[in-house]
Amino acid sequence: MKNSILFSLLICCLIISMQSMAANLEVKITEDKPYTVVNHGEDLVKVQRIQDTDNTLSGTFTKTSRPCPPFCVNPLNMENGVATVAELEVVKFMETAIHSGNGVMIDARTPGWYQKGTIPGSVNIPFTVFEKSADDPELVEVLERLGATQRDEVNVVMRSLEKVGLFSGDKKTDAWDFSEARQLLLWCNGPWCGQSPRAIRALISLGYPAEKLYYYRGGMQMWQSLGLSTVVPSELSTYASK
């Protein structure tokens, strides 16, 4: 009982402390949102903007020009039904879909990029995983971890009914049932990066419902240009290996 009361007091003190710190933030995310908190693996990470108003970008993300191809400017809308989002929608996704366990934010870049730093709350599933053959064990494991269910041989009559829109047929293929699949928000290095668009196209080709997919076109370049928090993974890992 005594330990429970002490724990509650510590939580109250922590909340009051964070509220006090928030009141002192000059550079907020929005006028009424100084910061947010997201689960990153087993840790809680505070996401806010850099408070130094003289801060500037450095390194790779200061570049304006890269050879095209492969670094070509992507369109705003990737595929029909896939929503393109910006930073505030990413924050909302952190606070809702990730918090509830109904969504996964995917850093679709290759492991070398991920190791340099990622957006808090993201897991690394390289776009190349989604482009593997449909029966590849790594792809199968990743899809199952994302909430998809591999199907056994499907009755011909039942499949015909599904294809005309019955029994959640729009969320099923001959090989996969995506009815309970999680919402996915995918991103990579920015508007010139083709890694998350390739991942999205591969997911669509596998039958993943477009309405469960979100594309953060700004990626790491826009995220960092707004001074938002990033984290460096403590050790290199991918979602498939967890």
C-alpha atoms as a PDB file:
ATOM      1  CA  MET A   1       0.000   0.000   0.000  1.00  0.00           C
ATOM      2  CA  LYS A   2       2.788   2.375   0.997  1.00  0.00           C
ATOM      3  CA  ASN A   3       4.724   1.581  -2.200  1.00  0.00           C
ATOM      4  CA  SER A   4       1.602   2.188  -4.296  1.00  0.00           C
ATOM      5  CA  ILE A   5       1.078   5.623  -2.705  1.00  0.00           C
ATOM      6  CA  LEU A   6       4.747   6.481  -3.224  1.00  0.00           C
ATOM      7  CA  PHE A   7       4.580   5.456  -6.882  1.00  0.00           C
ATOM      8  CA  SER A   8       1.461   7.596  -7.413  1.00  0.00           C
ATOM      9  CA  LEU A   9       3.193  10.585  -5.819  1.00  0.00           C
ATOM     10  CA  LEU A  10       6.221  10.105  -8.071  1.00  0.00           C
ATOM     11  CA  ILE A  11       3.974  10.010 -11.156  1.00  0.00           C
ATOM     12  CA  CYS A  12       2.218  13.202 -10.030  1.00  0.00           C
ATOM     13  CA  CYS A  13       5.566  14.909  -9.467  1.00  0.00           C
ATOM     14  CA  LEU A  14       6.730  13.797 -12.911  1.00  0.00           C
ATOM     15  CA  ILE A  15       3.589  15.159 -14.594  1.00  0.00           C
ATOM     16  CA  ILE A  16       3.884  18.481 -12.752  1.00  0.00           C
ATOM     17  CA  SER A  17       7.575  18.680 -13.681  1.00  0.00           C
ATOM     18  CA  MET A  18       6.846  17.999 -17.368  1.00  0.00           C
ATOM     19  CA  GLN A  19       4.027  20.548 -17.396  1.00  0.00           C
ATOM     20  CA  SER A  20       6.355  23.119 -15.880  1.00  0.00           C
ATOM     21  CA  MET A  21       9.023  22.363 -18.486  1.00  0.00           C
ATOM     22  CA  ALA A  22       6.420  22.542 -21.276  1.00  0.00           C
ATOM     23  CA  ALA A  23       5.327  25.997 -20.134  1.00  0.00           C
ATOM     24  CA  ASN A  24       8.903  27.192 -20.587  1.00  0.00           C
ATOM     25  CA  LEU A  25       9.314  25.876 -24.136  1.00  0.00           C
ATOM     26  CA  GLU A  26       9.687  28.672 -26.663  1.00  0.00           C
ATOM     27  CA  VAL A  27       9.676  26.486 -29.783  1.00  0.00           C
ATOM     28  CA  LYS A  28       6.553  24.307 -29.658  1.00  0.00           C
ATOM     29  CA  ILE A  29       5.107  21.823 -32.141  1.00  0.00           C
ATOM     30  CA  THR A  30       1.877  23.832 -32.298  1.00  0.00           C
ATOM     31  CA  GLU A  31       0.642  26.679 -30.151  1.00  0.00           C
ATOM     32  CA  ASP A  32      -1.164  24.290 -27.810  1.00  0.00           C
ATOM     33  CA  LYS A  33       1.156  21.252 -28.143  1.00  0.00           C
ATOM     34  CA  PRO A  34       4.668  21.843 -26.796  1.00  0.00           C
ATOM     35  CA  TYR A  35       5.699  18.200 -27.190  1.00  0.00           C
ATOM     36  CA  THR A  36       4.407  14.644 -27.338  1.00  0.00           C
ATOM     37  CA  VAL A  37       5.570  11.293 -25.973  1.00  0.00           C
ATOM     38  CA  VAL A  38       5.831   8.077 -27.990  1.00  0.00           C
ATOM     39  CA  ASN A  39       6.774   4.483 -27.296  1.00  0.00           C
ATOM     40  CA  HIS A  40      10.080   3.624 -28.958  1.00  0.00           C
ATOM     41  CA  GLY A  41      10.693  -0.046 -28.288  1.00  0.00           C
ATOM     42  CA  GLU A  42      10.603  -0.397 -24.516  1.00  0.00           C
ATOM     43  CA  ASP A  43      11.323   3.293 -23.915  1.00  0.00           C
ATOM     44  CA  LEU A  44       9.172   6.412 -23.781  1.00  0.00           C
ATOM     45  CA  VAL A  45      10.675   9.164 -25.912  1.00  0.00           C
ATOM     46  CA  LYS A  46       9.756  12.823 -25.659  1.00  0.00           C
ATOM     47  CA  VAL A  47       9.278  14.368 -29.101  1.00  0.00           C
ATOM     48  CA  GLN A  48       9.749  18.132 -29.293  1.00  0.00           C
ATOM     49  CA  ARG A  49      11.501  20.728 -31.414  1.00  0.00           C
ATOM     50  CA  ILE A  50      15.057  21.918 -30.846  1.00  0.00           C
ATOM     51  CA  GLN A  51      14.907  25.017 -28.643  1.00  0.00           C
ATOM     52  CA  ASP A  52      17.986  26.736 -30.101  1.00  0.00           C
ATOM     53  CA  THR A  53      16.493  29.229 -32.576  1.00  0.00           C
ATOM     54  CA  ASP A  54      19.898  29.536 -34.283  1.00  0.00           C
ATOM     55  CA  ASN A  55      20.076  25.804 -35.007  1.00  0.00           C
ATOM     56  CA  THR A  56      20.643  24.801 -38.648  1.00  0.00           C
ATOM     57  CA  LEU A  57      20.783  21.529 -40.535  1.00  0.00           C
ATOM     58  CA  SER A  58      24.117  19.894 -41.191  1.00  0.00           C
ATOM     59  CA  GLY A  59      25.388  16.967 -43.207  1.00  0.00           C
ATOM     60  CA  THR A  60      23.382  14.969 -45.738  1.00  0.00           C
ATOM     61  CA  PHE A  61      20.105  16.807 -45.259  1.00  0.00           C
ATOM     62  CA  THR A  62      21.548  20.184 -46.261  1.00  0.00           C
ATOM     63  CA  LYS A  63      21.936  18.968 -49.863  1.00  0.00           C
ATOM     64  CA  THR A  64      19.502  20.319 -52.439  1.00  0.00           C
ATOM     65  CA  SER A  65      20.554  18.264 -55.476  1.00  0.00           C
ATOM     66  CA  ARG A  66      21.123  14.586 -56.056  1.00  0.00           C
ATOM     67  CA  PRO A  67      21.303  12.624 -59.324  1.00  0.00           C
ATOM     68  CA  CYS A  68      17.918  11.601 -60.715  1.00  0.00           C
ATOM     69  CA  PRO A  69      17.512   8.700 -61.147  1.00  0.00           C
ATOM     70  CA  PRO A  70      17.413   7.361 -58.513  1.00  0.00           C
ATOM     71  CA  PHE A  71      16.858  10.492 -56.377  1.00  0.00           C
ATOM     72  CA  CYS A  72      13.842  11.894 -58.228  1.00  0.00           C
ATOM     73  CA  VAL A  73      11.095  14.085 -56.719  1.00  0.00           C
ATOM     74  CA  ASN A  74       8.094  11.985 -55.737  1.00  0.00           C
ATOM     75  CA  PRO A  75       4.483  13.010 -56.396  1.00  0.00           C
ATOM     76  CA  LEU A  76       2.314  14.100 -53.492  1.00  0.00           C
ATOM     77  CA  ASN A  77       0.005  11.105 -53.848  1.00  0.00           C
ATOM     78  CA  MET A  78       1.612   7.686 -54.228  1.00  0.00           C
ATOM     79  CA  GLU A  79      -1.280   5.297 -54.893  1.00  0.00           C
ATOM     80  CA  ASN A  80      -5.074   5.569 -54.942  1.00  0.00           C
ATOM     81  CA  GLY A  81      -6.383   5.320 -51.398  1.00  0.00           C
ATOM     82  CA  VAL A  82      -3.010   5.837 -49.692  1.00  0.00           C
ATOM     83  CA  ALA A  83      -3.118   9.033 -47.620  1.00  0.00           C
ATOM     84  CA  THR A  84      -0.136  11.389 -47.745  1.00  0.00           C
ATOM     85  CA  VAL A  85       0.563  12.967 -44.356  1.00  0.00           C
ATOM     86  CA  ALA A  86       2.694  15.716 -42.863  1.00  0.00           C
ATOM     87  CA  GLU A  87       4.320  16.227 -39.476  1.00  0.00           C
ATOM     88  CA  LEU A  88       1.204  16.899 -37.388  1.00  0.00           C
ATOM     89  CA  GLU A  89      -0.452  13.783 -38.757  1.00  0.00           C
ATOM     90  CA  VAL A  90       2.699  11.827 -37.874  1.00  0.00           C
ATOM     91  CA  VAL A  91       2.466  13.160 -34.304  1.00  0.00           C
ATOM     92  CA  LYS A  92      -1.224  12.199 -34.186  1.00  0.00           C
ATOM     93  CA  PHE A  93      -0.344   8.709 -35.440  1.00  0.00           C
ATOM     94  CA  MET A  94       2.169   8.435 -32.579  1.00  0.00           C
ATOM     95  CA  GLU A  95      -0.442   9.469 -30.033  1.00  0.00           C
ATOM     96  CA  THR A  96      -3.240   7.263 -31.346  1.00  0.00           C
ATOM     97  CA  ALA A  97      -2.326   4.324 -33.593  1.00  0.00           C
ATOM     98  CA  ILE A  98       1.059   3.535 -32.030  1.00  0.00           C
ATOM     99  CA  HIS A  99      -0.176   4.140 -28.486  1.00  0.00           C
ATOM    100  CA  SER A 100      -3.143   1.798 -28.964  1.00  0.00           C
ATOM    101  CA  GLY A 101      -1.086  -0.851 -30.743  1.00  0.00           C
ATOM    102  CA  ASN A 102      -3.204  -0.529 -33.891  1.00  0.00           C
ATOM    103  CA  GLY A 103      -0.477   1.093 -35.952  1.00  0.00           C
ATOM    104  CA  VAL A 104       3.186   0.735 -36.853  1.00  0.00           C
ATOM    105  CA  MET A 105       5.423   3.533 -38.097  1.00  0.00           C
ATOM    106  CA  ILE A 106       7.968   2.111 -40.531  1.00  0.00           C
ATOM    107  CA  ASP A 107      11.374   3.528 -41.341  1.00  0.00           C
ATOM    108  CA  ALA A 108      11.596   1.914 -44.781  1.00  0.00           C
ATOM    109  CA  ARG A 109      15.227   2.873 -45.351  1.00  0.00           C
ATOM    110  CA  THR A 110      18.146   0.479 -45.554  1.00  0.00           C
ATOM    111  CA  PRO A 111      19.739  -0.435 -42.194  1.00  0.00           C
ATOM    112  CA  GLY A 112      22.729   1.873 -42.755  1.00  0.00           C
ATOM    113  CA  TRP A 113      20.451   4.926 -42.834  1.00  0.00           C
ATOM    114  CA  TYR A 114      18.408   3.689 -39.883  1.00  0.00           C
ATOM    115  CA  GLN A 115      21.517   3.243 -37.772  1.00  0.00           C
ATOM    116  CA  LYS A 116      22.407   6.931 -38.199  1.00  0.00           C
ATOM    117  CA  GLY A 117      19.124   8.019 -36.599  1.00  0.00           C
ATOM    118  CA  THR A 118      15.386   7.564 -36.898  1.00  0.00           C
ATOM    119  CA  ILE A 119      12.078   9.202 -35.999  1.00  0.00           C
ATOM    120  CA  PRO A 120      10.995   8.128 -32.484  1.00  0.00           C
ATOM    121  CA  GLY A 121       8.410   5.361 -32.506  1.00  0.00           C
ATOM    122  CA  SER A 122       9.629   3.923 -35.813  1.00  0.00           C
ATOM    123  CA  VAL A 123      10.711   0.373 -36.531  1.00  0.00           C
ATOM    124  CA  ASN A 124      13.085  -0.438 -39.357  1.00  0.00           C
ATOM    125  CA  ILE A 125      11.687  -2.633 -42.109  1.00  0.00           C
ATOM    126  CA  PRO A 126      13.789  -1.973 -45.222  1.00  0.00           C
ATOM    127  CA  PHE A 127      11.798  -1.541 -48.435  1.00  0.00           C
ATOM    128  CA  THR A 128      13.694  -4.496 -49.881  1.00  0.00           C
ATOM    129  CA  VAL A 129      11.870  -6.847 -47.492  1.00  0.00           C
ATOM    130  CA  PHE A 130       8.499  -5.945 -49.024  1.00  0.00           C
ATOM    131  CA  GLU A 131       9.871  -6.535 -52.518  1.00  0.00           C
ATOM    132  CA  LYS A 132      10.863 -10.138 -51.799  1.00  0.00           C
ATOM    133  CA  SER A 133       8.977 -13.016 -53.397  1.00  0.00           C
ATOM    134  CA  ALA A 134       5.584 -13.670 -51.842  1.00  0.00           C
ATOM    135  CA  ASP A 135       6.701 -16.926 -50.199  1.00  0.00           C
ATOM    136  CA  ASP A 136       9.984 -15.575 -48.812  1.00  0.00           C
ATOM    137  CA  PRO A 137      10.216 -16.489 -45.082  1.00  0.00           C
ATOM    138  CA  GLU A 138      11.365 -12.997 -44.056  1.00  0.00           C
ATOM    139  CA  LEU A 139       8.477 -11.306 -45.856  1.00  0.00           C
ATOM    140  CA  VAL A 140       5.994 -13.828 -44.445  1.00  0.00           C
ATOM    141  CA  GLU A 141       7.262 -13.199 -40.896  1.00  0.00           C
ATOM    142  CA  VAL A 142       7.049  -9.422 -41.287  1.00  0.00           C
ATOM    143  CA  LEU A 143       3.491  -9.506 -42.675  1.00  0.00           C
ATOM    144  CA  GLU A 144       2.387 -11.739 -39.802  1.00  0.00           C
ATOM    145  CA  ARG A 145       3.950  -9.340 -37.291  1.00  0.00           C
ATOM    146  CA  LEU A 146       2.005  -6.530 -38.953  1.00  0.00           C
ATOM    147  CA  GLY A 147      -1.245  -8.381 -38.264  1.00  0.00           C
ATOM    148  CA  ALA A 148      -1.836 -10.180 -41.559  1.00  0.00           C
ATOM    149  CA  THR A 149      -2.868 -13.840 -41.521  1.00  0.00           C
ATOM    150  CA  GLN A 150      -1.591 -16.340 -44.035  1.00  0.00           C
ATOM    151  CA  ARG A 151      -4.463 -18.297 -45.583  1.00  0.00           C
ATOM    152  CA  ASP A 152      -4.761 -21.990 -46.263  1.00  0.00           C
ATOM    153  CA  GLU A 153      -6.281 -23.177 -49.490  1.00  0.00           C
ATOM    154  CA  VAL A 154      -9.408 -21.091 -50.053  1.00  0.00           C
ATOM    155  CA  ASN A 155     -12.722 -22.579 -51.162  1.00  0.00           C
ATOM    156  CA  VAL A 156     -13.384 -21.514 -54.763  1.00  0.00           C
ATOM    157  CA  VAL A 157     -16.984 -20.488 -54.071  1.00  0.00           C
ATOM    158  CA  MET A 158     -15.991 -18.497 -50.967  1.00  0.00           C
ATOM    159  CA  ARG A 159     -13.217 -16.732 -52.865  1.00  0.00           C
ATOM    160  CA  SER A 160     -15.631 -15.806 -55.662  1.00  0.00           C
ATOM    161  CA  LEU A 161     -17.989 -14.252 -53.103  1.00  0.00           C
ATOM    162  CA  GLU A 162     -15.089 -12.355 -51.518  1.00  0.00           C
ATOM    163  CA  LYS A 163     -14.033 -10.931 -54.877  1.00  0.00           C
ATOM    164  CA  VAL A 164     -17.454  -9.353 -55.364  1.00  0.00           C
ATOM    165  CA  GLY A 165     -17.156  -7.577 -52.017  1.00  0.00           C
ATOM    166  CA  LEU A 166     -18.689 -10.014 -49.545  1.00  0.00           C
ATOM    167  CA  PHE A 167     -17.037 -11.197 -46.320  1.00  0.00           C
ATOM    168  CA  SER A 168     -14.419  -8.400 -46.249  1.00  0.00           C
ATOM    169  CA  GLY A 169     -13.197  -9.567 -49.639  1.00  0.00           C
ATOM    170  CA  ASP A 170     -11.491  -6.227 -50.278  1.00  0.00           C
ATOM    171  CA  LYS A 171      -9.066  -7.071 -47.460  1.00  0.00           C
ATOM    172  CA  LYS A 172      -8.272 -10.618 -48.562  1.00  0.00           C
ATOM    173  CA  THR A 173      -6.233 -12.246 -51.308  1.00  0.00           C
ATOM    174  CA  ASP A 174      -5.752 -15.889 -52.189  1.00  0.00           C
ATOM    175  CA  ALA A 175      -2.689 -15.919 -49.921  1.00  0.00           C
ATOM    176  CA  TRP A 176      -3.393 -13.347 -47.174  1.00  0.00           C
ATOM    177  CA  ASP A 177      -6.155 -12.026 -44.943  1.00  0.00           C
ATOM    178  CA  PHE A 178      -5.458  -8.374 -44.105  1.00  0.00           C
ATOM    179  CA  SER A 179      -8.711  -7.796 -42.179  1.00  0.00           C
ATOM    180  CA  GLU A 180      -6.866  -7.396 -38.862  1.00  0.00           C
ATOM    181  CA  ALA A 181      -3.670  -5.912 -40.306  1.00  0.00           C
ATOM    182  CA  ARG A 182      -2.344  -2.800 -38.581  1.00  0.00           C
ATOM    183  CA  GLN A 183      -2.288   0.709 -39.972  1.00  0.00           C
ATOM    184  CA  LEU A 184       1.157   1.486 -41.390  1.00  0.00           C
ATOM    185  CA  LEU A 185       2.820   4.886 -41.727  1.00  0.00           C
ATOM    186  CA  LEU A 186       5.879   4.641 -43.959  1.00  0.00           C
ATOM    187  CA  TRP A 187       8.651   7.164 -44.519  1.00  0.00           C
ATOM    188  CA  CYS A 188      12.235   7.471 -45.717  1.00  0.00           C
ATOM    189  CA  ASN A 189      14.659  10.353 -46.350  1.00  0.00           C
ATOM    190  CA  GLY A 190      12.366  12.910 -47.963  1.00  0.00           C
ATOM    191  CA  PRO A 191      10.512  13.935 -51.126  1.00  0.00           C
ATOM    192  CA  TRP A 192      13.458  12.727 -53.251  1.00  0.00           C
ATOM    193  CA  CYS A 193      13.683   9.306 -51.583  1.00  0.00           C
ATOM    194  CA  GLY A 194      12.172   6.332 -53.372  1.00  0.00           C
ATOM    195  CA  GLN A 195      12.485   3.757 -50.592  1.00  0.00           C
ATOM    196  CA  SER A 196       9.137   4.210 -48.806  1.00  0.00           C
ATOM    197  CA  PRO A 197       7.234   4.647 -52.117  1.00  0.00           C
ATOM    198  CA  ARG A 198       8.682   1.336 -53.279  1.00  0.00           C
ATOM    199  CA  ALA A 199       7.637  -0.291 -50.004  1.00  0.00           C
ATOM    200  CA  ILE A 200       4.102   1.096 -50.373  1.00  0.00           C
ATOM    201  CA  ARG A 201       3.792  -0.139 -53.964  1.00  0.00           C
ATOM    202  CA  ALA A 202       5.023  -3.572 -52.921  1.00  0.00           C
ATOM    203  CA  LEU A 203       2.497  -3.720 -50.063  1.00  0.00           C
ATOM    204  CA  ILE A 204      -0.325  -2.729 -52.424  1.00  0.00           C
ATOM    205  CA  SER A 205       0.731  -5.460 -54.864  1.00  0.00           C
ATOM    206  CA  LEU A 206       0.583  -7.976 -52.001  1.00  0.00           C
ATOM    207  CA  GLY A 207      -3.000  -6.910 -51.290  1.00  0.00           C
ATOM    208  CA  TYR A 208      -2.429  -4.724 -48.222  1.00  0.00           C
ATOM    209  CA  PRO A 209      -5.467  -2.398 -48.018  1.00  0.00           C
ATOM    210  CA  ALA A 210      -4.585   1.082 -49.276  1.00  0.00           C
ATOM    211  CA  GLU A 211      -6.748   2.706 -46.604  1.00  0.00           C
ATOM    212  CA  LYS A 212      -4.472   1.214 -43.948  1.00  0.00           C
ATOM    213  CA  LEU A 213      -1.357   2.822 -45.459  1.00  0.00           C
ATOM    214  CA  TYR A 214       0.012   6.344 -44.898  1.00  0.00           C
ATOM    215  CA  TYR A 215       2.914   8.021 -46.691  1.00  0.00           C
ATOM    216  CA  TYR A 216       4.985  10.638 -44.872  1.00  0.00           C
ATOM    217  CA  ARG A 217       6.519  12.285 -47.939  1.00  0.00           C
ATOM    218  CA  GLY A 218       8.614  14.809 -45.980  1.00  0.00           C
ATOM    219  CA  GLY A 219      10.578  12.055 -44.293  1.00  0.00           C
ATOM    220  CA  MET A 220      13.750  12.656 -42.335  1.00  0.00           C
ATOM    221  CA  GLN A 221      14.674  15.797 -44.263  1.00  0.00           C
ATOM    222  CA  MET A 222      11.509  17.697 -43.360  1.00  0.00           C
ATOM    223  CA  TRP A 223      11.386  16.193 -39.849  1.00  0.00           C
ATOM    224  CA  GLN A 224      14.875  17.509 -39.129  1.00  0.00           C
ATOM    225  CA  SER A 225      14.260  20.830 -40.870  1.00  0.00           C
ATOM    226  CA  LEU A 226      11.552  21.498 -38.251  1.00  0.00           C
ATOM    227  CA  GLY A 227      13.954  20.608 -35.453  1.00  0.00           C
ATOM    228  CA  LEU A 228      11.923  17.611 -34.300  1.00  0.00           C
ATOM    229  CA  SER A 229      13.457  14.905 -32.098  1.00  0.00           C
ATOM    230  CA  THR A 230      15.326  11.956 -33.572  1.00  0.00           C
ATOM    231  CA  VAL A 231      16.871   8.941 -31.851  1.00  0.00           C
ATOM    232  CA  VAL A 232      19.908   6.811 -32.650  1.00  0.00           C
ATOM    233  CA  PRO A 233      19.135   3.088 -32.240  1.00  0.00           C
ATOM    234  CA  SER A 234      21.161   1.573 -29.405  1.00  0.00           C
ATOM    235  CA  GLU A 235      21.744  -1.481 -31.561  1.00  0.00           C
ATOM    236  CA  LEU A 236      20.899  -2.291 -35.147  1.00  0.00           C
ATOM    237  CA  SER A 237      17.660  -4.250 -35.379  1.00  0.00           C
ATOM    238  CA  THR A 238      14.698  -4.726 -37.663  1.00  0.00           C
ATOM    239  CA  TYR A 239      11.056  -5.432 -36.912  1.00  0.00           C
ATOM    240  CA  ALA A 240      11.407  -8.957 -38.267  1.00  0.00           C
ATOM    241  CA  SER A 241      14.096  -9.813 -35.743  1.00  0.00           C
ATOM    242  CA  LYS A 242      12.163  -8.679 -32.644  1.00  0.00           C
END
